[in-house]
Protein backbone atom coordinates (compact mmCIF):
# COMPACT_ATOMS: atom_id res chain seq x y z
CA VAL A 1 180.42 92.03 53.19
CA ASP A 2 177.10 92.61 54.94
CA HIS A 3 175.84 95.55 52.88
CA LYS A 4 178.13 96.74 50.10
CA PRO A 5 178.58 94.93 46.79
CA VAL A 6 181.43 92.40 47.04
CA TRP A 7 182.90 90.27 44.25
CA GLY A 8 185.45 87.56 44.93
CA THR A 9 187.27 85.86 42.06
CA CYS A 10 189.14 82.56 42.43
CA ALA A 11 190.77 82.72 45.88
CA GLY A 12 188.31 85.53 46.64
CA LEU A 13 185.47 83.04 46.16
CA VAL A 14 187.18 80.73 48.65
CA MET A 15 187.52 83.56 51.18
CA LEU A 16 183.83 84.47 50.84
CA ALA A 17 182.63 80.86 51.31
CA SER A 18 181.19 79.64 54.60
CA SER A 19 183.32 76.46 54.38
CA ALA A 20 186.08 74.97 52.23
CA THR A 21 187.55 71.54 51.50
CA ALA A 22 190.99 70.50 50.22
CA THR A 23 192.47 73.34 52.23
CA LYS A 24 196.09 73.79 53.17
CA LYS A 25 197.38 72.10 56.31
CA GLY A 26 195.85 73.81 59.33
CA GLY A 27 192.72 74.87 57.46
CA GLN A 28 191.66 78.00 55.63
CA GLU A 29 190.64 81.33 57.12
CA LEU A 30 187.35 82.50 55.64
CA ILE A 31 185.52 85.83 55.68
CA GLY A 32 182.12 84.40 54.75
CA GLY A 33 179.28 86.12 52.95
CA LEU A 34 178.34 83.26 50.62
CA ASP A 35 176.58 80.28 52.17
CA VAL A 36 178.46 77.73 50.06
CA LYS A 37 181.09 75.04 50.49
CA VAL A 38 183.97 75.28 48.00
CA GLN A 39 186.74 72.91 47.04
CA ARG A 40 190.07 74.69 46.64
CA ASN A 41 192.21 74.01 43.56
CA ARG A 42 189.54 71.77 42.00
CA TYR A 43 191.25 71.74 38.62
CA GLY A 44 194.78 71.04 39.81
CA THR A 45 197.99 73.03 39.79
CA GLN A 46 198.88 76.22 37.95
CA ILE A 47 200.34 74.12 35.13
CA GLN A 48 196.83 72.70 34.57
CA SER A 49 195.29 76.15 33.99
CA PHE A 50 192.83 76.37 31.10
CA VAL A 51 190.28 78.53 29.30
CA ALA A 52 186.72 77.24 28.75
CA ASP A 53 183.28 78.32 27.56
CA LEU A 54 180.90 78.98 30.46
CA ASP A 55 177.16 79.33 30.73
CA LEU A 56 176.54 82.67 32.44
CA SER A 57 173.20 83.27 30.74
CA LYS A 58 171.39 83.82 34.06
CA ILE A 59 173.25 87.08 34.57
CA LEU A 60 174.36 88.06 31.09
CA SER A 61 170.78 87.86 29.77
CA GLN A 62 170.00 90.80 32.08
CA ASP A 63 172.20 92.87 29.75
CA SER A 64 170.87 91.35 26.53
CA GLU A 65 172.23 94.06 24.28
CA ARG A 66 175.74 92.88 25.17
CA GLY A 67 175.43 89.45 23.48
CA SER A 68 174.19 87.14 26.24
CA GLU A 69 173.80 84.22 23.84
CA LYS A 70 177.56 84.00 23.30
CA PRO A 71 179.44 81.79 25.82
CA PHE A 72 181.77 83.56 28.22
CA ARG A 73 185.39 82.37 28.01
CA GLY A 74 186.57 81.82 31.59
CA VAL A 75 190.22 81.60 32.61
CA PHE A 76 190.80 78.99 35.34
CA ILE A 77 194.04 79.11 37.34
CA ARG A 78 194.12 76.63 40.26
CA ALA A 79 190.44 77.44 40.50
CA PRO A 80 187.99 76.42 43.20
CA VAL A 81 184.54 75.02 42.52
CA VAL A 82 181.34 75.31 44.55
CA GLU A 83 180.51 71.87 45.97
CA GLU A 84 177.39 72.67 47.99
CA LEU A 85 174.86 75.45 48.45
CA ASP A 86 172.82 76.30 51.51
CA ASN A 87 169.71 76.94 49.42
CA GLY A 88 167.72 78.05 52.42
CA LYS A 89 169.92 81.13 52.47
CA GLY A 90 169.12 82.35 48.94
CA VAL A 91 172.32 81.39 47.12
CA GLU A 92 171.75 81.50 43.37
CA VAL A 93 173.85 79.57 40.84
CA VAL A 94 174.56 81.99 38.00
CA GLY A 95 177.38 80.22 36.16
CA VAL A 96 178.31 76.65 35.31
CA TYR A 97 181.11 74.85 33.48
CA LYS A 98 180.30 71.66 31.60
CA GLY A 99 183.71 70.08 31.90
CA ALA A 100 185.21 66.68 31.28
CA GLU A 101 182.58 65.03 33.48
CA ALA A 102 179.71 65.87 31.11
CA GLU A 103 177.05 64.31 33.36
CA LYS A 104 177.78 66.89 36.06
CA GLU A 105 178.15 70.64 35.71
CA ASP A 106 180.59 72.44 37.97
CA ILE A 107 179.23 75.52 39.72
CA VAL A 108 181.65 78.34 38.93
CA ALA A 109 179.62 81.49 39.73
CA VAL A 110 177.19 82.21 42.57
CA LYS A 111 175.33 85.21 43.92
CA GLN A 112 173.75 85.82 47.30
CA ASN A 113 172.21 89.23 47.92
CA ASN A 114 175.06 91.73 47.43
CA VAL A 115 177.86 89.12 47.25
CA PHE A 116 179.08 87.58 43.99
CA GLY A 117 181.74 84.90 43.57
CA THR A 118 183.46 83.41 40.52
CA SER A 119 185.90 80.50 40.23
CA PHE A 120 187.48 81.96 37.12
CA HIS A 121 189.35 85.19 36.27
CA PRO A 122 187.13 87.39 34.06
CA GLU A 123 189.68 90.20 34.26
CA LEU A 124 192.06 88.13 32.12
CA THR A 125 189.79 88.20 29.06
CA GLU A 126 188.80 90.96 26.66
CA ASP A 127 185.10 90.16 27.21
CA VAL A 128 183.69 92.90 29.43
CA ARG A 129 180.09 91.61 29.69
CA ILE A 130 180.43 90.28 33.23
CA HIS A 131 182.07 93.53 34.35
CA VAL A 132 179.26 95.57 32.77
CA TRP A 133 176.72 93.39 34.58
CA TRP A 134 178.59 93.82 37.88
CA LEU A 135 178.98 97.58 37.56
CA ARG A 136 175.25 97.93 36.94
CA ARG A 137 174.60 96.04 40.19
CA VAL A 138 177.03 98.33 42.04
CA VAL A 139 175.33 101.46 40.66
CA GLU A 140 171.92 100.05 41.69
CA ALA A 141 173.24 99.38 45.21
CA LEU A 142 174.67 102.89 45.47
CA GLY A 143 171.32 104.36 44.42
CA LYS A 144 169.53 102.34 47.09
CA ALA A 145 172.07 103.43 49.72
CA GLU A 146 171.61 107.11 48.84
CA SER A 147 167.83 106.88 49.16
CA ARG A 148 168.04 105.57 52.74
């Protein structure tokens, strides 16, 4: 987690968080890597899974030829949400969901240095834009590692 590119989706985001709420009895073991607090299962049980348009323009605009203006359809299955950031540590919000509570956006994607976390499952859609963005970051990191 310290140096190589790491991407955690859904429960992976929880594992990469520095703290978590609404955890199972006895708490939640965490790896860390993202200085955020997450709430597990923010959107309820598996039966309450849903698909929604997300604003990922902060990262998808970096690959503008891939259609960054189009919303990304995120699949949420018992998904966590980022409740708090430790902004002094350089955590960047790169994706939000404007859900039922329109006055407040839920943070569903964050990036800190080489670590990326998403609340949703991008692998369950046919939209590859987020994967293209991620693979470009991995290739950049590999190039930097080789030049050391």
